[in-house]
Amino acid sequence: MKLKITLFLLIVSLTSLQAGGFKKYAGEFLSAGVGSRALGMAGAFVAVANDVTAGYWNPAGLVDSHGLQLQFMHAKQFISSIQYDYFGASKNLGENSSLGLSFIRWGINDIKDTRNALNGTTINEGLDYSKITSFNIADYVFYVSYAHRYTENLSLGANVKIIYRDYVSETALGIGFDAGLKYRLAAGLDLGLMVRDITTTMMSWSTNEKEFVAPSFRPGMTYRFDFESIDLYLQPSVDLGILLESRNKSAQLGLGLLSVDSYWGMEVGFNDLIFLRLGYDDLSRFNAGLGLAIQKIGVDYSYTNFDEVLGNVHRISFYLKLGSDEI
């Protein structure tokens, strides 16, 4: 019955897309990613997701984020003009279920407003600097995530997300739903699937305009090679981003309504203490990251080679992991 309901909602969503009731790139701000670990791997994380950030990447992976986990990430990009912050928390609810909360803010602060600062009627008459004010614009997203392990190899998860966009003169409110799956095909080999905006996410603006975010699909695969004699592991991963927005010119592969992009990543861990990450994303950008974990506390850094004019992207994350017996 649950599968039939999900398929019905998906068919309704696809029908609305064909009718043209959505805008291309309407949900682009939702795709920036969270967590320096995952972003150091270029976002190839759907099948890997096993920490608190799974609430964003694949909620099914929350069942593998043991105990209580907290994480904060801060990033700046476009010559530090955009501030990007993330906070996540997750906790196991028994052996086979987990709950997660995530909050994202993507904004520009301290924008100067000179509209009321003119000395006369034209800019040539100069400005009264005492009348210059400032304002912020931002997008906010709040996720509530739940995951359950149905069998030893299969986990399912879902998100409810509330979206608020504040552009001072205009605001928007929206709600959306995501669903995720993780399946262990063999020892060390995991498959994942994330379906974002599964029922089509609608954002309603204060101007009475409505924007629709189309469903998207992100399958992933990862395999972990363990070298126990030297306490080291190597974990390559790959994701495919499948969109239904006719991005034929910007995607790696475009077929009418359908477009496909690939994400490649790898994590190397030594002694569960030091981590190196590498990745290559959908925009053909090189990504890299480093991680250090000391008992319950850790810090991750990631870098994305972006653009000479707009600047590269640097991110830093701090996290805390407490076992179930410490809560």
C-alpha atoms as a PDB file:
ATOM      1  CA  MET A   1       0.000   0.000   0.000  1.00  0.00           C
ATOM      2  CA  LYS A   2       2.787   2.485   0.890  1.00  0.00           C
ATOM      3  CA  LEU A   3       4.543   1.718  -2.395  1.00  0.00           C
ATOM      4  CA  LYS A   4       1.306   2.299  -4.353  1.00  0.00           C
ATOM      5  CA  ILE A   5       0.747   5.658  -2.647  1.00  0.00           C
ATOM      6  CA  THR A   6       4.323   6.738  -3.370  1.00  0.00           C
ATOM      7  CA  LEU A   7       4.041   5.740  -7.037  1.00  0.00           C
ATOM      8  CA  PHE A   8       0.736   7.576  -7.343  1.00  0.00           C
ATOM      9  CA  LEU A   9       2.193  10.786  -5.892  1.00  0.00           C
ATOM     10  CA  LEU A  10       5.201  10.497  -8.202  1.00  0.00           C
ATOM     11  CA  ILE A  11       2.988  10.060 -11.269  1.00  0.00           C
ATOM     12  CA  VAL A  12       0.967  13.131 -10.265  1.00  0.00           C
ATOM     13  CA  SER A  13       4.215  15.091  -9.875  1.00  0.00           C
ATOM     14  CA  LEU A  14       5.511  14.052 -13.289  1.00  0.00           C
ATOM     15  CA  THR A  15       2.186  14.951 -14.869  1.00  0.00           C
ATOM     16  CA  SER A  16       2.411  18.460 -13.417  1.00  0.00           C
ATOM     17  CA  LEU A  17       5.914  18.791 -14.839  1.00  0.00           C
ATOM     18  CA  GLN A  18       4.741  17.907 -18.301  1.00  0.00           C
ATOM     19  CA  ALA A  19       2.058  20.575 -17.911  1.00  0.00           C
ATOM     20  CA  GLY A  20       4.800  23.140 -17.395  1.00  0.00           C
ATOM     21  CA  GLY A  21       3.897  24.110 -13.803  1.00  0.00           C
ATOM     22  CA  PHE A  22       7.483  24.520 -12.601  1.00  0.00           C
ATOM     23  CA  LYS A  23      10.503  26.767 -13.059  1.00  0.00           C
ATOM     24  CA  LYS A  24      13.941  25.541 -13.999  1.00  0.00           C
ATOM     25  CA  TYR A  25      16.502  26.021 -11.177  1.00  0.00           C
ATOM     26  CA  ALA A  26      13.735  26.897  -8.681  1.00  0.00           C
ATOM     27  CA  GLY A  27      15.287  24.516  -6.143  1.00  0.00           C
ATOM     28  CA  GLU A  28      18.944  25.147  -6.929  1.00  0.00           C
ATOM     29  CA  PHE A  29      19.623  26.575  -3.457  1.00  0.00           C
ATOM     30  CA  LEU A  30      18.580  23.202  -2.014  1.00  0.00           C
ATOM     31  CA  SER A  31      21.390  21.360  -3.838  1.00  0.00           C
ATOM     32  CA  ALA A  32      24.485  23.003  -2.324  1.00  0.00           C
ATOM     33  CA  GLY A  33      25.161  20.067  -0.016  1.00  0.00           C
ATOM     34  CA  VAL A  34      26.155  19.894   3.655  1.00  0.00           C
ATOM     35  CA  GLY A  35      29.104  18.581   5.645  1.00  0.00           C
ATOM     36  CA  SER A  36      32.753  19.022   4.737  1.00  0.00           C
ATOM     37  CA  ARG A  37      33.236  15.262   4.649  1.00  0.00           C
ATOM     38  CA  ALA A  38      30.649  14.695   1.912  1.00  0.00           C
ATOM     39  CA  LEU A  39      31.593  17.830  -0.010  1.00  0.00           C
ATOM     40  CA  GLY A  40      35.272  16.862   0.014  1.00  0.00           C
ATOM     41  CA  MET A  41      34.072  13.778  -1.891  1.00  0.00           C
ATOM     42  CA  ALA A  42      32.255  16.050  -4.394  1.00  0.00           C
ATOM     43  CA  GLY A  43      28.899  15.034  -2.937  1.00  0.00           C
ATOM     44  CA  ALA A  44      29.205  11.386  -4.023  1.00  0.00           C
ATOM     45  CA  PHE A  45      27.648  10.422  -0.709  1.00  0.00           C
ATOM     46  CA  VAL A  46      24.193   8.907  -1.197  1.00  0.00           C
ATOM     47  CA  ALA A  47      25.382   5.313  -0.691  1.00  0.00           C
ATOM     48  CA  VAL A  48      28.033   6.317   1.875  1.00  0.00           C
ATOM     49  CA  ALA A  49      25.779   8.420   4.146  1.00  0.00           C
ATOM     50  CA  ASN A  50      26.298   7.076   7.659  1.00  0.00           C
ATOM     51  CA  ASP A  51      26.549  10.136   9.892  1.00  0.00           C
ATOM     52  CA  VAL A  52      24.339  13.034  10.956  1.00  0.00           C
ATOM     53  CA  THR A  53      24.514  14.630   7.473  1.00  0.00           C
ATOM     54  CA  ALA A  54      22.554  11.661   6.116  1.00  0.00           C
ATOM     55  CA  GLY A  55      19.488  13.711   7.017  1.00  0.00           C
ATOM     56  CA  TYR A  56      20.327  15.766   3.924  1.00  0.00           C
ATOM     57  CA  TRP A  57      22.084  13.268   1.627  1.00  0.00           C
ATOM     58  CA  ASN A  58      20.017  10.137   2.266  1.00  0.00           C
ATOM     59  CA  PRO A  59      17.835   9.875   5.387  1.00  0.00           C
ATOM     60  CA  ALA A  60      17.958   6.071   5.218  1.00  0.00           C
ATOM     61  CA  GLY A  61      21.597   6.322   6.325  1.00  0.00           C
ATOM     62  CA  LEU A  62      20.645   7.839   9.683  1.00  0.00           C
ATOM     63  CA  VAL A  63      20.271   4.322  11.123  1.00  0.00           C
ATOM     64  CA  ASP A  64      24.061   4.051  10.784  1.00  0.00           C
ATOM     65  CA  SER A  65      24.732   7.298  12.693  1.00  0.00           C
ATOM     66  CA  HIS A  66      25.046   5.690  16.102  1.00  0.00           C
ATOM     67  CA  GLY A  67      24.218   7.454  19.352  1.00  0.00           C
ATOM     68  CA  LEU A  68      23.809  11.215  19.444  1.00  0.00           C
ATOM     69  CA  GLN A  69      25.605  13.227  16.770  1.00  0.00           C
ATOM     70  CA  LEU A  70      25.849  17.000  16.354  1.00  0.00           C
ATOM     71  CA  GLN A  71      27.528  18.858  13.507  1.00  0.00           C
ATOM     72  CA  PHE A  72      28.031  22.470  12.447  1.00  0.00           C
ATOM     73  CA  MET A  73      29.414  23.672   9.114  1.00  0.00           C
ATOM     74  CA  HIS A  74      30.315  27.156   7.922  1.00  0.00           C
ATOM     75  CA  ALA A  75      31.311  28.148   4.395  1.00  0.00           C
ATOM     76  CA  LYS A  76      31.839  31.277   2.347  1.00  0.00           C
ATOM     77  CA  GLN A  77      31.803  31.554  -1.408  1.00  0.00           C
ATOM     78  CA  PHE A  78      31.704  34.029  -4.264  1.00  0.00           C
ATOM     79  CA  ILE A  79      34.515  36.110  -2.675  1.00  0.00           C
ATOM     80  CA  SER A  80      32.930  35.609   0.768  1.00  0.00           C
ATOM     81  CA  SER A  81      29.735  37.386  -0.255  1.00  0.00           C
ATOM     82  CA  ILE A  82      27.532  34.345   0.427  1.00  0.00           C
ATOM     83  CA  GLN A  83      27.448  32.874   3.936  1.00  0.00           C
ATOM     84  CA  TYR A  84      26.396  29.238   4.170  1.00  0.00           C
ATOM     85  CA  ASP A  85      25.690  27.592   7.526  1.00  0.00           C
ATOM     86  CA  TYR A  86      24.430  24.151   8.472  1.00  0.00           C
ATOM     87  CA  PHE A  87      23.550  22.520  11.785  1.00  0.00           C
ATOM     88  CA  GLY A  88      22.465  18.916  12.174  1.00  0.00           C
ATOM     89  CA  ALA A  89      21.544  16.568  15.006  1.00  0.00           C
ATOM     90  CA  SER A  90      20.655  12.891  14.969  1.00  0.00           C
ATOM     91  CA  LYS A  91      19.869  10.216  17.541  1.00  0.00           C
ATOM     92  CA  ASN A  92      19.029   6.522  17.455  1.00  0.00           C
ATOM     93  CA  LEU A  93      15.551   5.508  18.616  1.00  0.00           C
ATOM     94  CA  GLY A  94      16.289   1.945  19.591  1.00  0.00           C
ATOM     95  CA  GLU A  95      18.306  -0.470  17.460  1.00  0.00           C
ATOM     96  CA  ASN A  96      16.552   0.011  14.121  1.00  0.00           C
ATOM     97  CA  SER A  97      15.265   3.594  13.967  1.00  0.00           C
ATOM     98  CA  SER A  98      16.779   7.084  13.998  1.00  0.00           C
ATOM     99  CA  LEU A  99      15.569  10.673  14.059  1.00  0.00           C
ATOM    100  CA  GLY A 100      17.398  13.655  12.563  1.00  0.00           C
ATOM    101  CA  LEU A 101      17.024  17.444  12.508  1.00  0.00           C
ATOM    102  CA  SER A 102      18.841  19.727  10.064  1.00  0.00           C
ATOM    103  CA  PHE A 103      18.910  23.482   9.546  1.00  0.00           C
ATOM    104  CA  ILE A 104      20.460  25.353   6.598  1.00  0.00           C
ATOM    105  CA  ARG A 105      20.891  29.067   6.052  1.00  0.00           C
ATOM    106  CA  TRP A 106      22.178  30.418   2.744  1.00  0.00           C
ATOM    107  CA  GLY A 107      22.354  34.197   2.636  1.00  0.00           C
ATOM    108  CA  ILE A 108      24.021  37.511   1.895  1.00  0.00           C
ATOM    109  CA  ASN A 109      24.518  39.886   4.805  1.00  0.00           C
ATOM    110  CA  ASP A 110      24.905  43.642   5.093  1.00  0.00           C
ATOM    111  CA  ILE A 111      23.669  44.672   1.641  1.00  0.00           C
ATOM    112  CA  LYS A 112      23.772  48.458   1.384  1.00  0.00           C
ATOM    113  CA  ASP A 113      20.472  50.201   0.635  1.00  0.00           C
ATOM    114  CA  THR A 114      20.851  53.692  -0.858  1.00  0.00           C
ATOM    115  CA  ARG A 115      17.286  54.132  -2.112  1.00  0.00           C
ATOM    116  CA  ASN A 116      16.461  56.754   0.532  1.00  0.00           C
ATOM    117  CA  ALA A 117      19.902  58.352   0.651  1.00  0.00           C
ATOM    118  CA  LEU A 118      19.776  60.648  -2.386  1.00  0.00           C
ATOM    119  CA  ASN A 119      20.433  64.317  -1.637  1.00  0.00           C
ATOM    120  CA  GLY A 120      18.284  65.309  -4.597  1.00  0.00           C
ATOM    121  CA  THR A 121      16.486  63.565  -7.370  1.00  0.00           C
ATOM    122  CA  THR A 122      19.484  62.129  -9.242  1.00  0.00           C
ATOM    123  CA  ILE A 123      22.627  60.246  -8.289  1.00  0.00           C
ATOM    124  CA  ASN A 124      24.729  63.159  -9.583  1.00  0.00           C
ATOM    125  CA  GLU A 125      23.602  65.220  -6.594  1.00  0.00           C
ATOM    126  CA  GLY A 126      25.369  62.810  -4.253  1.00  0.00           C
ATOM    127  CA  LEU A 127      24.333  60.660  -1.303  1.00  0.00           C
ATOM    128  CA  ASP A 128      23.574  61.409   2.303  1.00  0.00           C
ATOM    129  CA  TYR A 129      25.633  58.627   3.874  1.00  0.00           C
ATOM    130  CA  SER A 130      23.806  58.942   7.180  1.00  0.00           C
ATOM    131  CA  LYS A 131      20.678  57.639   5.432  1.00  0.00           C
ATOM    132  CA  ILE A 132      22.302  54.529   3.980  1.00  0.00           C
ATOM    133  CA  THR A 133      20.915  51.414   5.642  1.00  0.00           C
ATOM    134  CA  SER A 134      21.657  47.728   5.217  1.00  0.00           C
ATOM    135  CA  PHE A 135      19.660  44.515   5.011  1.00  0.00           C
ATOM    136  CA  ASN A 136      20.131  40.756   4.688  1.00  0.00           C
ATOM    137  CA  ILE A 137      18.556  38.254   2.322  1.00  0.00           C
ATOM    138  CA  ALA A 138      18.548  34.526   2.990  1.00  0.00           C
ATOM    139  CA  ASP A 139      17.062  31.121   2.288  1.00  0.00           C
ATOM    140  CA  TYR A 140      16.248  28.900   5.272  1.00  0.00           C
ATOM    141  CA  VAL A 141      15.519  25.174   5.168  1.00  0.00           C
ATOM    142  CA  PHE A 142      14.548  23.013   8.154  1.00  0.00           C
ATOM    143  CA  TYR A 143      14.487  19.200   7.831  1.00  0.00           C
ATOM    144  CA  VAL A 144      12.916  16.572  10.056  1.00  0.00           C
ATOM    145  CA  SER A 145      14.199  13.121   9.101  1.00  0.00           C
ATOM    146  CA  TYR A 146      13.271   9.590  10.106  1.00  0.00           C
ATOM    147  CA  ALA A 147      14.926   6.289   9.183  1.00  0.00           C
ATOM    148  CA  HIS A 148      14.132   2.654   9.866  1.00  0.00           C
ATOM    149  CA  ARG A 149      16.095  -0.522   9.210  1.00  0.00           C
ATOM    150  CA  TYR A 150      13.616  -3.050   7.810  1.00  0.00           C
ATOM    151  CA  THR A 151      16.013  -5.919   7.278  1.00  0.00           C
ATOM    152  CA  GLU A 152      19.673  -6.524   7.954  1.00  0.00           C
ATOM    153  CA  ASN A 153      20.501  -5.115   4.516  1.00  0.00           C
ATOM    154  CA  LEU A 154      17.672  -2.647   3.780  1.00  0.00           C
ATOM    155  CA  SER A 155      17.017   0.768   5.341  1.00  0.00           C
ATOM    156  CA  LEU A 156      14.451   3.386   4.325  1.00  0.00           C
ATOM    157  CA  GLY A 157      14.162   7.021   5.332  1.00  0.00           C
ATOM    158  CA  ALA A 158      12.161  10.164   4.663  1.00  0.00           C
ATOM    159  CA  ASN A 159      12.385  13.928   5.138  1.00  0.00           C
ATOM    160  CA  VAL A 160       9.861  16.647   5.696  1.00  0.00           C
ATOM    161  CA  LYS A 161      11.408  20.030   4.866  1.00  0.00           C
ATOM    162  CA  ILE A 162      10.089  23.513   5.493  1.00  0.00           C
ATOM    163  CA  ILE A 163      11.458  26.299   3.297  1.00  0.00           C
ATOM    164  CA  TYR A 164      11.436  30.016   4.031  1.00  0.00           C
ATOM    165  CA  ARG A 165      12.927  32.555   1.595  1.00  0.00           C
ATOM    166  CA  ASP A 166      13.348  36.113   2.894  1.00  0.00           C
ATOM    167  CA  TYR A 167      14.212  38.743   0.273  1.00  0.00           C
ATOM    168  CA  VAL A 168      12.970  41.705   2.378  1.00  0.00           C
ATOM    169  CA  SER A 169      10.429  43.014  -0.142  1.00  0.00           C
ATOM    170  CA  GLU A 170       9.263  39.476  -0.958  1.00  0.00           C
ATOM    171  CA  THR A 171       9.085  36.266   1.055  1.00  0.00           C
ATOM    172  CA  ALA A 172       8.178  32.688   0.230  1.00  0.00           C
ATOM    173  CA  LEU A 173       7.088  29.651   2.201  1.00  0.00           C
ATOM    174  CA  GLY A 174       7.177  26.057   1.053  1.00  0.00           C
ATOM    175  CA  ILE A 175       7.061  22.462   2.202  1.00  0.00           C
ATOM    176  CA  GLY A 176       8.546  19.395   0.552  1.00  0.00           C
ATOM    177  CA  PHE A 177       9.217  15.693   1.035  1.00  0.00           C
ATOM    178  CA  ASP A 178      12.218  13.482   0.265  1.00  0.00           C
ATOM    179  CA  ALA A 179      12.692   9.721   0.453  1.00  0.00           C
ATOM    180  CA  GLY A 180      15.839   7.598   0.659  1.00  0.00           C
ATOM    181  CA  LEU A 181      16.963   3.999   0.503  1.00  0.00           C
ATOM    182  CA  LYS A 182      20.165   2.139   1.387  1.00  0.00           C
ATOM    183  CA  TYR A 183      20.791  -1.484   0.508  1.00  0.00           C
ATOM    184  CA  ARG A 184      23.826  -3.649   1.274  1.00  0.00           C
ATOM    185  CA  LEU A 185      24.317  -5.788  -1.784  1.00  0.00           C
ATOM    186  CA  ALA A 186      27.374  -7.613  -0.430  1.00  0.00           C
ATOM    187  CA  ALA A 187      30.012  -7.165   2.248  1.00  0.00           C
ATOM    188  CA  GLY A 188      31.464  -3.683   1.718  1.00  0.00           C
ATOM    189  CA  LEU A 189      29.191  -2.917  -1.255  1.00  0.00           C
ATOM    190  CA  ASP A 190      26.333  -0.477  -0.622  1.00  0.00           C
ATOM    191  CA  LEU A 191      23.720   0.991  -2.939  1.00  0.00           C
ATOM    192  CA  GLY A 192      21.729   4.135  -2.232  1.00  0.00           C
ATOM    193  CA  LEU A 193      18.882   6.125  -3.731  1.00  0.00           C
ATOM    194  CA  MET A 194      17.677   9.603  -2.816  1.00  0.00           C
ATOM    195  CA  VAL A 195      14.481  11.047  -4.302  1.00  0.00           C
ATOM    196  CA  ARG A 196      14.150  14.760  -3.572  1.00  0.00           C
ATOM    197  CA  ASP A 197      10.900  16.688  -3.758  1.00  0.00           C
ATOM    198  CA  ILE A 198       9.081  13.460  -4.402  1.00  0.00           C
ATOM    199  CA  THR A 199       5.620  15.064  -4.529  1.00  0.00           C
ATOM    200  CA  THR A 200       6.852  18.278  -6.235  1.00  0.00           C
ATOM    201  CA  THR A 201       7.728  21.020  -3.752  1.00  0.00           C
ATOM    202  CA  MET A 202       5.699  24.209  -4.000  1.00  0.00           C
ATOM    203  CA  MET A 203       6.944  27.591  -2.756  1.00  0.00           C
ATOM    204  CA  SER A 204       4.308  30.282  -2.381  1.00  0.00           C
ATOM    205  CA  TRP A 205       5.542  33.894  -2.597  1.00  0.00           C
ATOM    206  CA  SER A 206       4.034  36.919  -0.895  1.00  0.00           C
ATOM    207  CA  THR A 207       3.444  38.288  -4.426  1.00  0.00           C
ATOM    208  CA  ASN A 208       0.990  35.394  -4.999  1.00  0.00           C
ATOM    209  CA  GLU A 209       3.441  33.755  -7.413  1.00  0.00           C
ATOM    210  CA  LYS A 210       4.054  30.040  -6.988  1.00  0.00           C
ATOM    211  CA  GLU A 211       7.224  28.123  -7.847  1.00  0.00           C
ATOM    212  CA  PHE A 212       7.455  24.358  -8.155  1.00  0.00           C
ATOM    213  CA  VAL A 213      10.575  22.259  -7.607  1.00  0.00           C
ATOM    214  CA  ALA A 214      10.587  19.157  -9.773  1.00  0.00           C
ATOM    215  CA  PRO A 215      11.352  15.699  -8.358  1.00  0.00           C
ATOM    216  CA  SER A 216      14.951  14.551  -8.801  1.00  0.00           C
ATOM    217  CA  PHE A 217      16.646  11.191  -8.397  1.00  0.00           C
ATOM    218  CA  ARG A 218      20.124  10.417  -7.116  1.00  0.00           C
ATOM    219  CA  PRO A 219      21.270   6.782  -7.146  1.00  0.00           C
ATOM    220  CA  GLY A 220      24.690   5.993  -5.719  1.00  0.00           C
ATOM    221  CA  MET A 221      27.100   3.131  -5.147  1.00  0.00           C
ATOM    222  CA  THR A 222      30.133   2.674  -2.905  1.00  0.00           C
ATOM    223  CA  TYR A 223      32.570  -0.087  -1.997  1.00  0.00           C
ATOM    224  CA  ARG A 224      34.831  -0.104   1.041  1.00  0.00           C
ATOM    225  CA  PHE A 225      38.252  -1.787   0.832  1.00  0.00           C
ATOM    226  CA  ASP A 226      39.602  -2.610   4.292  1.00  0.00           C
ATOM    227  CA  PHE A 227      43.318  -3.198   4.900  1.00  0.00           C
ATOM    228  CA  GLU A 228      43.148  -4.404   8.478  1.00  0.00           C
ATOM    229  CA  SER A 229      46.867  -5.138   8.813  1.00  0.00           C
ATOM    230  CA  ILE A 230      47.665  -1.404   8.536  1.00  0.00           C
ATOM    231  CA  ASP A 231      44.330  -0.127   9.928  1.00  0.00           C
ATOM    232  CA  LEU A 232      43.453   1.685   6.714  1.00  0.00           C
ATOM    233  CA  TYR A 233      40.431   1.744   4.434  1.00  0.00           C
ATOM    234  CA  LEU A 234      39.744   3.131   0.971  1.00  0.00           C
ATOM    235  CA  GLN A 235      36.180   3.888  -0.081  1.00  0.00           C
ATOM    236  CA  PRO A 236      35.411   5.068  -3.638  1.00  0.00           C
ATOM    237  CA  SER A 237      31.867   6.160  -4.459  1.00  0.00           C
ATOM    238  CA  VAL A 238      29.808   7.436  -7.377  1.00  0.00           C
ATOM    239  CA  ASP A 239      26.438   9.215  -7.619  1.00  0.00           C
ATOM    240  CA  LEU A 240      24.260  10.078 -10.594  1.00  0.00           C
ATOM    241  CA  GLY A 241      22.140  13.218 -10.406  1.00  0.00           C
ATOM    242  CA  ILE A 242      18.987  12.768 -12.506  1.00  0.00           C
ATOM    243  CA  LEU A 243      16.883  15.897 -13.012  1.00  0.00           C
ATOM    244  CA  LEU A 244      13.616  16.514 -14.847  1.00  0.00           C
ATOM    245  CA  GLU A 245      14.178  20.130 -15.887  1.00  0.00           C
ATOM    246  CA  SER A 246      15.389  19.891 -19.519  1.00  0.00           C
ATOM    247  CA  ARG A 247      18.930  20.983 -18.622  1.00  0.00           C
ATOM    248  CA  ASN A 248      20.280  19.800 -21.951  1.00  0.00           C
ATOM    249  CA  LYS A 249      22.901  22.538 -22.311  1.00  0.00           C
ATOM    250  CA  SER A 250      24.275  22.523 -18.767  1.00  0.00           C
ATOM    251  CA  ALA A 251      24.170  18.793 -17.945  1.00  0.00           C
ATOM    252  CA  GLN A 252      26.752  16.151 -18.838  1.00  0.00           C
ATOM    253  CA  LEU A 253      23.974  14.234 -20.600  1.00  0.00           C
ATOM    254  CA  GLY A 254      20.638  15.679 -21.693  1.00  0.00           C
ATOM    255  CA  LEU A 255      17.733  13.763 -23.199  1.00  0.00           C
ATOM    256  CA  GLY A 256      14.747  16.076 -23.510  1.00  0.00           C
ATOM    257  CA  LEU A 257      13.173  16.521 -20.081  1.00  0.00           C
ATOM    258  CA  LEU A 258      15.797  14.230 -18.521  1.00  0.00           C
ATOM    259  CA  SER A 259      19.352  15.274 -17.645  1.00  0.00           C
ATOM    260  CA  VAL A 260      22.092  13.249 -15.950  1.00  0.00           C
ATOM    261  CA  ASP A 261      25.257  14.361 -14.119  1.00  0.00           C
ATOM    262  CA  SER A 262      27.887  12.270 -12.350  1.00  0.00           C
ATOM    263  CA  TYR A 263      29.723  12.765  -9.062  1.00  0.00           C
ATOM    264  CA  TRP A 264      32.866  10.831  -8.160  1.00  0.00           C
ATOM    265  CA  GLY A 265      34.459  10.653  -4.734  1.00  0.00           C
ATOM    266  CA  MET A 266      36.840   8.726  -2.522  1.00  0.00           C
ATOM    267  CA  GLU A 267      37.656   8.635   1.180  1.00  0.00           C
ATOM    268  CA  VAL A 268      40.812   7.184   2.727  1.00  0.00           C
ATOM    269  CA  GLY A 269      40.865   6.676   6.484  1.00  0.00           C
ATOM    270  CA  PHE A 270      43.751   5.687   8.730  1.00  0.00           C
ATOM    271  CA  ASN A 271      43.228   4.370  12.250  1.00  0.00           C
ATOM    272  CA  ASP A 272      39.831   6.156  12.381  1.00  0.00           C
ATOM    273  CA  LEU A 273      41.914   9.243  13.125  1.00  0.00           C
ATOM    274  CA  ILE A 274      43.041  10.904   9.882  1.00  0.00           C
ATOM    275  CA  PHE A 275      41.013  11.105   6.671  1.00  0.00           C
ATOM    276  CA  LEU A 276      41.754  12.225   3.121  1.00  0.00           C
ATOM    277  CA  ARG A 277      38.978  12.900   0.601  1.00  0.00           C
ATOM    278  CA  LEU A 278      38.981  13.589  -3.114  1.00  0.00           C
ATOM    279  CA  GLY A 279      36.209  14.182  -5.637  1.00  0.00           C
ATOM    280  CA  TYR A 280      35.162  15.349  -9.070  1.00  0.00           C
ATOM    281  CA  ASP A 281      31.698  16.890  -9.371  1.00  0.00           C
ATOM    282  CA  ASP A 282      29.049  17.589 -11.996  1.00  0.00           C
ATOM    283  CA  LEU A 283      30.662  20.900 -12.984  1.00  0.00           C
ATOM    284  CA  SER A 284      34.030  19.203 -13.586  1.00  0.00           C
ATOM    285  CA  ARG A 285      35.470  20.793 -10.464  1.00  0.00           C
ATOM    286  CA  PHE A 286      38.173  19.234  -8.322  1.00  0.00           C
ATOM    287  CA  ASN A 287      37.240  18.744  -4.671  1.00  0.00           C
ATOM    288  CA  ALA A 288      39.392  17.700  -1.739  1.00  0.00           C
ATOM    289  CA  GLY A 289      39.161  17.437   2.014  1.00  0.00           C
ATOM    290  CA  LEU A 290      40.899  16.476   5.236  1.00  0.00           C
ATOM    291  CA  GLY A 291      39.487  15.164   8.492  1.00  0.00           C
ATOM    292  CA  LEU A 292      40.762  14.638  12.020  1.00  0.00           C
ATOM    293  CA  ALA A 293      38.847  12.699  14.686  1.00  0.00           C
ATOM    294  CA  ILE A 294      39.931  12.554  18.318  1.00  0.00           C
ATOM    295  CA  GLN A 295      37.650  10.309  20.327  1.00  0.00           C
ATOM    296  CA  LYS A 296      34.218  11.990  20.307  1.00  0.00           C
ATOM    297  CA  ILE A 297      35.228  15.246  18.607  1.00  0.00           C
ATOM    298  CA  GLY A 298      36.203  15.833  15.006  1.00  0.00           C
ATOM    299  CA  VAL A 299      36.884  18.527  12.452  1.00  0.00           C
ATOM    300  CA  ASP A 300      36.603  18.296   8.659  1.00  0.00           C
ATOM    301  CA  TYR A 301      37.779  20.689   5.961  1.00  0.00           C
ATOM    302  CA  SER A 302      36.850  20.698   2.281  1.00  0.00           C
ATOM    303  CA  TYR A 303      37.887  22.686  -0.764  1.00  0.00           C
ATOM    304  CA  THR A 304      36.269  23.159  -4.167  1.00  0.00           C
ATOM    305  CA  ASN A 305      38.188  24.605  -7.092  1.00  0.00           C
ATOM    306  CA  PHE A 306      35.581  27.056  -8.330  1.00  0.00           C
ATOM    307  CA  ASP A 307      36.575  30.088 -10.388  1.00  0.00           C
ATOM    308  CA  GLU A 308      39.449  32.594 -10.605  1.00  0.00           C
ATOM    309  CA  VAL A 309      37.056  35.535 -10.508  1.00  0.00           C
ATOM    310  CA  LEU A 310      34.493  34.279  -7.989  1.00  0.00           C
ATOM    311  CA  GLY A 311      37.058  32.497  -5.824  1.00  0.00           C
ATOM    312  CA  ASN A 312      37.425  28.942  -4.540  1.00  0.00           C
ATOM    313  CA  VAL A 313      35.143  27.508  -1.864  1.00  0.00           C
ATOM    314  CA  HIS A 314      36.430  26.582   1.601  1.00  0.00           C
ATOM    315  CA  ARG A 315      34.303  24.866   4.244  1.00  0.00           C
ATOM    316  CA  ILE A 316      34.909  23.723   7.794  1.00  0.00           C
ATOM    317  CA  SER A 317      32.793  21.403   9.941  1.00  0.00           C
ATOM    318  CA  PHE A 318      32.924  20.497  13.618  1.00  0.00           C
ATOM    319  CA  TYR A 319      31.129  17.481  15.018  1.00  0.00           C
ATOM    320  CA  LEU A 320      30.475  15.646  18.260  1.00  0.00           C
ATOM    321  CA  LYS A 321      29.632  11.958  18.517  1.00  0.00           C
ATOM    322  CA  LEU A 322      28.333  10.409  21.747  1.00  0.00           C
ATOM    323  CA  GLY A 323      27.625   6.717  22.091  1.00  0.00           C
ATOM    324  CA  SER A 324      24.230   5.522  23.297  1.00  0.00           C
ATOM    325  CA  ASP A 325      25.649   4.687  26.711  1.00  0.00           C
ATOM    326  CA  GLU A 326      26.874   8.280  27.174  1.00  0.00           C
ATOM    327  CA  ILE A 327      23.530  10.019  26.630  1.00  0.00           C
END
